Amino acid sequence: MTNQINNPQTRQWQEMSQRHHLAPFSDYKQLHEKGPRIITKAKGVHLWDSEGNKILDGMAGLWCIAVGYGREELVEAASRQMRELPFYNTFFQTAHPPVLELAKTIAEITPPGLNHVFFTGSGSEGNDTMLRLVRHYWACKGQPEKKVVIARVNGYHGSTVAGASLGGMKYMHEQGDLPIPGIVHIPQPYWFGEGGDMSPEEFGIWAADQLEKKILEVGEDKVAAFIAEPIQGAGGVIIPPDSYWPRIREILAKYDILFVADEVICGFGRTGEWFGSDYYGNRPDLMTIAKGLTSGYVPMGGLVVSDKVFEVINEGGDFNHGFTYSGHPVAAAVALENIRILREEKIVERVRTETAPYLQARLRELTDHPLVGEVRGVGMLGAIELVKDKATRKRYPEELAVGMICRGHCFDNGLVMRAVGDTMIIAPPLVITREEIDELVTKARLCLDLTLREIQG
């Protein structure tokens, strides 16, 4: 694969990008100088760019392609629904069959007690909805002062004003005067990066105890909820030590606050269970969902609400919140078909028992590489830590940007692997085969070799 442009249309598309398109999370000056890679088609777990290069998509689009690219069933579901009812809103005491059937279907697969769904257009909107709803919940209970939401440093909950505030990404907070009031953060359970001399078990307990410390600092009478991803995705596939979630559950049982699981990345089979909460045995009061809900074919997200919360807001009058596209019928039809495929083809079960164990075993073979300090993963999630010194976990200088060097080699050699600092992360489509896992790991090793060669000069 080469960066050389041979297709004249590639240059035309790049010029359109320069003149008209503002891409998300981009340095526009840098993007304009280099030009975007133009992706033109996809099938299964592979992409093709406008230069004809075939690329294994190790990030499932953006964590979302569950059933693979090119599923005609999803195309047909959208087409049928567009012909019958392309759009109608769910405001003003109206509804339509696809959104009602989808709400029922989601309730069938979520953890027990989560039986009500508020639909949105994205996970970011789902977390905006969560913030509004938990404050509404406490106001309905006569405790309007319970407004503060506790989140985690380096967690990711979207990029709207509320979503970015809930997230713990400092570089996002620096733009736009964030976080907004009423949101506070506690340390993340990132042992490899921040555990110091503690064992993983000790660090997991310490990180969990920061929740109780923050509840007591803010005051239980002021805290509305704690929000966390089961596994932090965009933060670098941060998998908590085994001691973390049991201790968090103990703390939550002591205090009268709501627990929100952000399942936007972990949901719909990514961990080898339907939800990350199932994997860890957590029982949230609310769950945000998106991405794998439609396999990314059309935008859709939502907030799943427990019976406990619903019973209170059901008596609270109007919930003055919503979106034009809440429960869009075409998105609902695609989501229904996507869940049908996941169920009938037993994709989640296959991930749990077959392909995820194989992926995790193959990935861990990379720990012998001189650049690799740790490989970790759960289900179809993985992280490779790039270090200068394996024994001390010491990184290369930040200005060297080793992760970005590796990412560049990946894309130039037919693999999408994302860099979060000097952590390389993967989340391939759930339908990836053993042979395609072999391809992924072979290409990853090649790119690690090329990265080491480059930084050693």
Protein backbone atom coordinates (compact mmCIF):
# COMPACT_ATOMS: atom_id res chain seq x y z
CA MET A 1 0.00 0.00 0.00
CA THR A 2 1.25 3.49 -0.78
CA ASN A 3 0.28 7.09 -0.10
CA GLN A 4 0.83 7.94 -3.76
CA ILE A 5 -2.34 9.11 -5.52
CA ASN A 6 -3.03 7.51 -8.89
CA ASN A 7 -6.79 8.02 -9.17
CA PRO A 8 -7.65 11.58 -10.31
CA GLN A 9 -10.98 11.37 -8.49
CA THR A 10 -9.15 10.90 -5.19
CA ARG A 11 -7.60 14.35 -5.63
CA GLN A 12 -11.00 15.83 -6.54
CA TRP A 13 -12.56 14.44 -3.35
CA GLN A 14 -9.65 15.71 -1.27
CA GLU A 15 -10.11 19.17 -2.77
CA MET A 16 -13.81 19.04 -1.81
CA SER A 17 -12.71 18.20 1.72
CA GLN A 18 -10.37 21.19 1.79
CA ARG A 19 -12.99 23.60 0.55
CA HIS A 20 -16.15 22.44 2.27
CA HIS A 21 -15.93 19.64 4.84
CA LEU A 22 -15.23 20.10 8.56
CA ALA A 23 -14.27 16.70 9.94
CA PRO A 24 -14.73 15.67 13.59
CA PHE A 25 -11.76 15.67 15.99
CA SER A 26 -9.39 17.03 13.34
CA ASP A 27 -6.54 19.51 13.04
CA TYR A 28 -7.90 21.27 9.95
CA LYS A 29 -4.57 22.74 8.88
CA GLN A 30 -2.92 19.33 9.06
CA LEU A 31 -5.85 17.60 7.35
CA HIS A 32 -5.82 20.12 4.50
CA GLU A 33 -2.09 19.66 3.98
CA LYS A 34 -2.28 15.88 3.89
CA GLY A 35 -5.80 15.24 2.61
CA PRO A 36 -8.13 12.53 3.93
CA ARG A 37 -8.01 8.91 2.81
CA ILE A 38 -11.20 8.37 0.83
CA ILE A 39 -13.04 5.16 1.76
CA THR A 40 -15.33 4.08 -1.06
CA LYS A 41 -16.71 0.61 -0.23
CA ALA A 42 -16.73 -2.14 2.39
CA LYS A 43 -17.61 -5.82 2.73
CA GLY A 44 -17.43 -8.08 5.77
CA VAL A 45 -14.51 -6.77 7.84
CA HIS A 46 -12.65 -5.03 5.00
CA LEU A 47 -12.66 -1.54 3.51
CA TRP A 48 -11.42 -0.28 0.14
CA ASP A 49 -10.17 3.24 -0.50
CA SER A 50 -10.40 5.26 -3.71
CA GLU A 51 -6.91 4.06 -4.69
CA GLY A 52 -8.06 0.44 -4.60
CA ASN A 53 -6.25 -0.50 -1.39
CA LYS A 54 -7.87 -3.21 0.77
CA ILE A 55 -7.83 -2.49 4.50
CA LEU A 56 -8.83 -4.71 7.43
CA ASP A 57 -11.06 -2.58 9.66
CA GLY A 58 -9.76 -3.30 13.15
CA MET A 59 -12.01 -0.61 14.66
CA ALA A 60 -15.43 -1.69 13.30
CA GLY A 61 -15.94 1.73 11.77
CA LEU A 62 -15.98 3.51 15.11
CA TRP A 63 -16.70 0.59 17.47
CA CYS A 64 -20.07 0.04 15.79
CA ILE A 65 -20.05 -2.44 12.88
CA ALA A 66 -21.23 -5.57 14.68
CA VAL A 67 -22.64 -7.80 11.93
CA GLY A 68 -20.12 -6.71 9.29
CA TYR A 69 -20.34 -4.51 6.23
CA GLY A 70 -22.61 -5.31 3.31
CA ARG A 71 -25.49 -7.05 5.09
CA GLU A 72 -28.31 -6.89 2.55
CA GLU A 73 -30.88 -7.68 5.27
CA LEU A 74 -30.22 -4.30 6.87
CA VAL A 75 -30.45 -2.53 3.53
CA GLU A 76 -33.77 -4.25 2.81
CA ALA A 77 -35.13 -3.39 6.27
CA ALA A 78 -34.39 0.29 5.66
CA SER A 79 -35.82 0.17 2.16
CA ARG A 80 -39.08 -1.48 3.26
CA GLN A 81 -39.57 1.01 6.06
CA MET A 82 -38.82 4.00 3.82
CA ARG A 83 -41.53 2.90 1.44
CA GLU A 84 -44.09 2.32 4.18
CA LEU A 85 -43.38 5.14 6.64
CA PRO A 86 -40.13 7.05 6.02
CA PHE A 87 -40.62 9.33 9.02
CA TYR A 88 -42.97 10.36 11.72
CA ASN A 89 -42.18 11.82 15.11
CA THR A 90 -42.99 10.27 18.49
CA PHE A 91 -44.09 13.55 20.10
CA PHE A 92 -47.69 14.52 20.91
CA GLN A 93 -49.01 11.10 21.96
CA THR A 94 -48.09 9.35 18.73
CA ALA A 95 -45.92 6.32 17.95
CA HIS A 96 -45.33 3.81 15.17
CA PRO A 97 -44.83 0.03 15.11
CA PRO A 98 -41.03 -0.10 14.53
CA VAL A 99 -40.17 2.03 17.57
CA LEU A 100 -42.56 0.11 19.83
CA GLU A 101 -41.31 -3.27 18.64
CA LEU A 102 -37.70 -2.12 19.09
CA ALA A 103 -38.32 -0.89 22.64
CA LYS A 104 -39.83 -4.30 23.50
CA THR A 105 -36.93 -6.17 21.85
CA ILE A 106 -34.30 -4.14 23.69
CA ALA A 107 -36.06 -4.85 26.99
CA GLU A 108 -35.76 -8.58 26.20
CA ILE A 109 -31.96 -8.50 25.95
CA THR A 110 -30.95 -5.90 28.55
CA PRO A 111 -30.14 -6.83 32.18
CA PRO A 112 -33.17 -7.51 34.41
CA GLY A 113 -35.33 -4.55 35.37
CA LEU A 114 -34.33 -2.34 32.42
CA ASN A 115 -37.59 -2.25 30.49
CA HIS A 116 -38.10 1.28 29.15
CA VAL A 117 -36.27 3.04 26.31
CA PHE A 118 -35.95 6.71 25.35
CA PHE A 119 -34.57 6.87 21.80
CA THR A 120 -32.03 9.39 20.52
CA GLY A 121 -29.88 9.90 17.45
CA SER A 122 -26.56 9.02 19.09
CA GLY A 123 -24.79 8.01 22.29
CA SER A 124 -23.95 11.65 22.97
CA GLU A 125 -27.64 12.52 22.87
CA GLY A 126 -28.31 9.50 25.08
CA ASN A 127 -26.01 10.91 27.75
CA ASP A 128 -27.56 14.37 27.43
CA THR A 129 -30.89 12.67 28.01
CA MET A 130 -29.47 10.83 31.02
CA LEU A 131 -28.36 14.07 32.67
CA ARG A 132 -31.78 15.63 32.16
CA LEU A 133 -33.64 12.55 33.29
CA VAL A 134 -31.71 11.80 36.50
CA ARG A 135 -32.20 15.39 37.66
CA HIS A 136 -35.88 15.15 36.75
CA TYR A 137 -36.08 11.87 38.70
CA TRP A 138 -34.73 13.43 41.90
CA ALA A 139 -36.94 16.50 41.49
CA CYS A 140 -39.96 14.18 41.19
CA LYS A 141 -38.87 12.57 44.48
CA GLY A 142 -38.80 15.97 46.16
CA GLN A 143 -34.98 16.17 46.19
CA PRO A 144 -34.13 18.70 43.48
CA GLU A 145 -30.80 19.48 45.17
CA LYS A 146 -29.48 16.04 44.08
CA LYS A 147 -27.94 17.22 40.80
CA VAL A 148 -24.25 16.30 40.80
CA VAL A 149 -23.12 13.47 38.52
CA ILE A 150 -19.82 11.74 39.28
CA ALA A 151 -17.86 10.50 36.26
CA ARG A 152 -14.29 9.34 35.65
CA VAL A 153 -11.15 10.99 34.35
CA ASN A 154 -10.46 9.82 30.79
CA GLY A 155 -13.96 8.37 30.43
CA TYR A 156 -15.77 9.20 27.21
CA HIS A 157 -19.47 10.00 27.05
CA GLY A 158 -19.81 11.92 23.78
CA SER A 159 -18.94 15.35 22.48
CA THR A 160 -22.06 17.43 23.02
CA VAL A 161 -21.79 20.00 25.81
CA ALA A 162 -23.23 17.63 28.41
CA GLY A 163 -21.51 14.55 26.95
CA ALA A 164 -18.09 16.20 26.84
CA SER A 165 -18.61 17.51 30.38
CA LEU A 166 -19.48 14.03 31.64
CA GLY A 167 -16.43 12.66 29.88
CA GLY A 168 -13.09 13.16 31.55
CA MET A 169 -11.03 14.21 28.54
CA LYS A 170 -9.03 17.31 29.52
CA TYR A 171 -8.29 18.30 25.93
CA MET A 172 -12.04 18.48 25.30
CA HIS A 173 -12.68 20.46 28.49
CA GLU A 174 -10.13 23.05 27.39
CA GLN A 175 -12.37 24.02 24.46
CA GLY A 176 -15.74 25.47 25.35
CA ASP A 177 -15.32 26.20 29.07
CA LEU A 178 -16.17 22.68 30.21
CA PRO A 179 -17.24 20.83 32.25
CA ILE A 180 -20.55 22.52 32.96
CA PRO A 181 -21.51 22.87 36.65
CA GLY A 182 -22.72 19.83 38.53
CA ILE A 183 -20.28 17.30 37.08
CA VAL A 184 -17.21 16.05 38.95
CA HIS A 185 -14.60 13.40 38.17
CA ILE A 186 -12.71 10.67 40.00
CA PRO A 187 -9.57 8.76 38.90
CA GLN A 188 -9.83 6.00 36.32
CA PRO A 189 -8.96 2.34 37.03
CA TYR A 190 -5.97 2.35 34.64
CA TRP A 191 -3.41 0.14 36.37
CA PHE A 192 -0.83 -0.02 33.56
CA GLY A 193 -0.64 3.75 33.19
CA GLU A 194 -1.31 4.90 36.75
CA GLY A 195 -1.02 1.97 39.15
CA GLY A 196 2.51 2.75 40.24
CA ASP A 197 3.89 0.20 42.71
CA MET A 198 0.46 -1.15 43.69
CA SER A 199 -0.65 -4.56 42.51
CA PRO A 200 -3.60 -4.53 40.09
CA GLU A 201 -5.88 -5.79 42.89
CA GLU A 202 -4.75 -3.05 45.30
CA PHE A 203 -5.08 -0.40 42.63
CA GLY A 204 -8.58 -1.57 41.70
CA ILE A 205 -9.73 -1.18 45.30
CA TRP A 206 -8.04 2.23 45.57
CA ALA A 207 -9.66 3.48 42.35
CA ALA A 208 -13.09 2.24 43.42
CA ASP A 209 -12.72 3.85 46.84
CA GLN A 210 -12.36 7.22 45.12
CA LEU A 211 -16.08 7.02 44.36
CA GLU A 212 -16.99 6.81 48.04
CA LYS A 213 -14.51 9.57 48.84
CA LYS A 214 -16.13 11.84 46.24
CA ILE A 215 -19.68 11.04 47.41
CA LEU A 216 -18.73 12.03 50.94
CA GLU A 217 -16.88 15.13 49.72
CA VAL A 218 -19.82 16.40 47.64
CA GLY A 219 -22.48 15.09 50.03
CA GLU A 220 -24.83 12.20 49.39
CA ASP A 221 -27.72 14.66 49.46
CA LYS A 222 -26.20 16.45 46.43
CA VAL A 223 -25.11 13.46 44.30
CA ALA A 224 -27.60 12.29 41.66
CA ALA A 225 -25.67 9.55 39.86
CA PHE A 226 -22.40 7.84 39.01
CA ILE A 227 -21.74 7.18 35.31
CA ALA A 228 -19.08 4.84 33.95
CA GLU A 229 -18.28 2.69 30.94
CA PRO A 230 -17.87 -1.00 31.88
CA ILE A 231 -14.62 -0.79 29.90
CA GLN A 232 -13.36 2.66 28.91
CA GLY A 233 -13.21 2.56 25.12
CA ALA A 234 -11.95 5.83 23.68
CA GLY A 235 -9.79 6.29 26.77
CA GLY A 236 -7.62 3.38 25.61
CA VAL A 237 -9.57 0.16 26.29
CA ILE A 238 -9.06 0.54 30.03
CA ILE A 239 -10.04 -2.79 31.57
CA PRO A 240 -10.48 -2.40 35.34
CA PRO A 241 -8.65 -4.79 37.68
CA ASP A 242 -10.86 -7.67 38.83
CA SER A 243 -11.23 -6.03 42.26
CA TYR A 244 -12.75 -2.82 40.87
CA TRP A 245 -16.37 -3.52 39.96
CA PRO A 246 -17.18 -5.67 43.04
CA ARG A 247 -15.95 -2.82 45.25
CA ILE A 248 -17.92 -0.26 43.22
CA ARG A 249 -21.07 -2.35 43.72
CA GLU A 250 -20.45 -2.40 47.49
CA ILE A 251 -20.14 1.39 47.53
CA LEU A 252 -23.23 1.98 45.40
CA ALA A 253 -25.25 -0.26 47.73
CA LYS A 254 -24.42 2.05 50.64
CA TYR A 255 -25.63 5.30 49.08
CA ASP A 256 -28.85 6.60 47.58
CA ILE A 257 -27.58 7.52 44.11
CA LEU A 258 -28.28 6.18 40.63
CA PHE A 259 -25.80 4.08 38.67
CA VAL A 260 -25.53 4.74 34.94
CA ALA A 261 -23.67 2.34 32.64
CA ASP A 262 -22.50 3.89 29.38
CA GLU A 263 -22.85 0.86 27.08
CA VAL A 264 -22.38 2.75 23.83
CA ILE A 265 -19.21 0.79 23.04
CA CYS A 266 -19.61 -2.34 25.18
CA GLY A 267 -23.24 -3.00 24.28
CA PHE A 268 -24.63 -5.49 21.75
CA GLY A 269 -22.02 -8.20 22.09
CA ARG A 270 -18.66 -6.44 22.12
CA THR A 271 -17.56 -8.14 25.38
CA GLY A 272 -18.95 -11.55 24.45
CA GLU A 273 -22.08 -10.82 26.47
CA TRP A 274 -25.00 -8.71 25.30
CA PHE A 275 -23.82 -5.85 27.52
CA GLY A 276 -20.72 -5.01 29.50
CA SER A 277 -22.94 -4.89 32.57
CA ASP A 278 -23.71 -8.58 31.99
CA TYR A 279 -20.00 -9.35 31.69
CA TYR A 280 -19.22 -7.74 35.05
CA GLY A 281 -22.45 -8.61 36.86
CA ASN A 282 -23.46 -4.97 37.29
CA ARG A 283 -27.09 -3.87 37.53
CA PRO A 284 -27.38 -0.24 36.42
CA ASP A 285 -30.41 1.98 36.92
CA LEU A 286 -29.91 3.50 33.47
CA MET A 287 -27.92 2.47 30.38
CA THR A 288 -26.92 4.56 27.38
CA ILE A 289 -26.77 2.67 24.07
CA ALA A 290 -25.86 3.36 20.41
CA LYS A 291 -23.25 2.11 17.89
CA GLY A 292 -23.86 -1.69 17.81
CA LEU A 293 -27.61 -1.07 18.10
CA THR A 294 -27.81 -0.64 14.30
CA SER A 295 -24.29 -1.88 13.47
CA GLY A 296 -23.68 1.74 12.48
CA TYR A 297 -25.78 1.43 9.32
CA VAL A 298 -27.97 4.35 10.38
CA PRO A 299 -27.60 6.70 13.37
CA MET A 300 -29.49 5.71 16.51
CA GLY A 301 -28.94 5.76 20.25
CA GLY A 302 -30.98 5.62 23.40
CA LEU A 303 -31.27 5.59 27.15
CA VAL A 304 -32.60 2.41 28.75
CA VAL A 305 -34.40 3.16 32.01
CA SER A 306 -35.07 0.80 34.91
CA ASP A 307 -38.50 0.09 36.37
CA LYS A 308 -37.31 1.80 39.57
CA VAL A 309 -36.66 5.08 37.75
CA PHE A 310 -39.67 4.81 35.45
CA GLU A 311 -42.10 4.38 38.34
CA VAL A 312 -41.02 7.76 39.69
CA ILE A 313 -40.96 9.75 36.45
CA ASN A 314 -44.23 8.12 35.37
CA GLU A 315 -45.91 10.17 38.11
CA GLY A 316 -43.90 13.32 37.43
CA GLY A 317 -45.80 14.99 34.59
CA ASP A 318 -44.14 16.06 31.34
CA PHE A 319 -40.49 15.21 30.73
CA ASN A 320 -39.66 18.26 28.64
CA HIS A 321 -36.97 16.75 26.47
CA GLY A 322 -36.70 15.08 23.08
CA PHE A 323 -35.36 15.13 19.53
CA THR A 324 -37.03 15.33 16.13
CA TYR A 325 -35.52 11.97 15.26
CA SER A 326 -36.19 10.19 18.56
CA GLY A 327 -37.21 6.68 17.51
CA HIS A 328 -36.91 7.34 13.78
CA PRO A 329 -38.86 4.53 12.05
CA VAL A 330 -36.12 3.67 9.53
CA ALA A 331 -33.45 3.51 12.24
CA ALA A 332 -35.78 1.41 14.39
CA ALA A 333 -36.43 -1.02 11.53
CA VAL A 334 -32.70 -1.42 10.91
CA ALA A 335 -32.01 -1.91 14.63
CA LEU A 336 -34.68 -4.60 14.83
CA GLU A 337 -33.16 -6.47 11.90
CA ASN A 338 -29.66 -6.05 13.32
CA ILE A 339 -30.71 -7.54 16.66
CA ARG A 340 -32.51 -10.37 14.82
CA ILE A 341 -29.26 -11.21 13.01
CA LEU A 342 -27.25 -11.08 16.24
CA ARG A 343 -29.74 -13.43 17.89
CA GLU A 344 -30.49 -15.89 15.10
CA GLU A 345 -26.88 -16.27 13.95
CA LYS A 346 -25.80 -16.50 17.62
CA ILE A 347 -23.06 -13.96 16.96
CA VAL A 348 -22.73 -12.93 20.62
CA GLU A 349 -22.39 -16.57 21.69
CA ARG A 350 -19.80 -17.21 18.97
CA VAL A 351 -17.78 -14.20 20.13
CA ARG A 352 -17.88 -15.47 23.72
CA THR A 353 -16.96 -19.10 23.07
CA GLU A 354 -14.95 -19.08 19.83
CA THR A 355 -13.58 -15.96 18.20
CA ALA A 356 -12.89 -13.76 21.23
CA PRO A 357 -10.79 -16.41 23.02
CA TYR A 358 -8.86 -16.90 19.78
CA LEU A 359 -8.38 -13.15 19.26
CA GLN A 360 -7.21 -12.62 22.84
CA ALA A 361 -4.75 -15.55 22.62
CA ARG A 362 -3.32 -14.33 19.31
CA LEU A 363 -3.02 -10.73 20.52
CA ARG A 364 -1.08 -11.82 23.60
CA GLU A 365 1.54 -13.35 21.33
CA LEU A 366 2.59 -9.75 20.68
CA THR A 367 3.85 -9.35 24.26
CA ASP A 368 7.21 -10.71 23.12
CA HIS A 369 7.74 -7.66 20.90
CA PRO A 370 10.37 -5.18 22.18
CA LEU A 371 7.88 -2.28 21.93
CA VAL A 372 5.03 -3.94 23.80
CA GLY A 373 4.64 -3.44 27.55
CA GLU A 374 1.20 -5.02 27.93
CA VAL A 375 -1.54 -6.58 25.86
CA ARG A 376 -5.01 -6.66 27.40
CA GLY A 377 -8.49 -7.30 26.12
CA VAL A 378 -12.00 -8.61 26.64
CA GLY A 379 -14.21 -10.01 23.91
CA MET A 380 -13.69 -8.03 20.72
CA LEU A 381 -11.74 -5.27 22.48
CA GLY A 382 -7.97 -5.10 22.73
CA ALA A 383 -5.13 -2.75 23.67
CA ILE A 384 -1.40 -2.88 23.00
CA GLU A 385 0.75 -0.61 25.19
CA LEU A 386 3.85 0.76 23.46
CA VAL A 387 6.74 1.42 25.85
CA LYS A 388 10.44 2.21 25.93
CA ASP A 389 11.10 -0.03 28.95
CA LYS A 390 8.96 -3.12 29.62
CA ALA A 391 10.10 -3.57 33.24
CA THR A 392 9.29 -0.03 34.40
CA ARG A 393 6.41 0.66 31.97
CA LYS A 394 8.29 3.81 30.96
CA ARG A 395 7.01 5.53 27.81
CA TYR A 396 8.85 7.17 24.96
CA PRO A 397 8.89 11.00 25.04
CA GLU A 398 5.43 12.36 24.24
CA GLU A 399 6.73 14.53 21.41
CA LEU A 400 7.91 11.40 19.59
CA ALA A 401 4.24 10.36 19.18
CA VAL A 402 5.03 6.65 18.88
CA GLY A 403 1.35 5.72 18.74
CA MET A 404 0.74 7.99 15.76
CA ILE A 405 3.81 6.57 14.00
CA CYS A 406 2.39 3.08 14.49
CA ARG A 407 -1.06 4.15 13.33
CA GLY A 408 0.45 5.51 10.13
CA HIS A 409 2.26 2.26 9.43
CA CYS A 410 -0.99 0.36 10.07
CA PHE A 411 -2.98 2.34 7.54
CA ASP A 412 -0.14 2.09 5.01
CA ASN A 413 -0.11 -1.68 5.42
CA GLY A 414 -3.81 -2.49 5.23
CA LEU A 415 -4.95 -2.27 8.86
CA VAL A 416 -7.04 0.19 10.85
CA MET A 417 -5.73 0.28 14.40
CA ARG A 418 -6.38 3.39 16.51
CA ALA A 419 -3.82 5.23 18.63
CA VAL A 420 -4.77 6.65 22.04
CA GLY A 421 -1.51 8.26 23.03
CA ASP A 422 0.95 5.36 22.86
CA THR A 423 -1.77 2.75 23.29
CA MET A 424 -2.88 0.95 20.14
CA ILE A 425 -6.46 -0.27 20.33
CA ILE A 426 -8.67 -2.57 18.30
CA ALA A 427 -12.37 -3.44 18.20
CA PRO A 428 -13.04 -5.40 15.00
CA PRO A 429 -16.51 -6.33 13.72
CA LEU A 430 -18.04 -9.13 15.80
CA VAL A 431 -18.22 -11.38 12.73
CA ILE A 432 -14.45 -11.49 12.20
CA THR A 433 -13.23 -15.02 11.48
CA ARG A 434 -10.17 -16.88 12.77
CA GLU A 435 -8.46 -16.38 9.42
CA GLU A 436 -9.14 -12.65 9.54
CA ILE A 437 -7.87 -12.52 13.14
CA ASP A 438 -4.65 -14.11 11.87
CA GLU A 439 -4.47 -11.39 9.22
CA LEU A 440 -5.01 -8.69 11.85
CA VAL A 441 -2.30 -9.98 14.19
CA THR A 442 0.20 -10.56 11.35
CA LYS A 443 -0.29 -7.00 10.11
CA ALA A 444 -0.12 -5.62 13.66
CA ARG A 445 3.26 -7.32 14.22
CA LEU A 446 4.59 -5.98 10.93
CA CYS A 447 3.54 -2.46 11.90
CA LEU A 448 5.14 -2.79 15.34
CA ASP A 449 8.38 -3.85 13.60
CA LEU A 450 8.19 -0.86 11.25
CA THR A 451 7.48 1.50 14.15
CA LEU A 452 10.45 0.22 16.16
CA ARG A 453 12.71 0.53 13.12
CA GLU A 454 11.60 4.14 12.55
CA ILE A 455 12.04 5.36 16.13
CA GLN A 456 15.44 3.68 16.42
CA GLY A 457 16.54 5.55 13.31
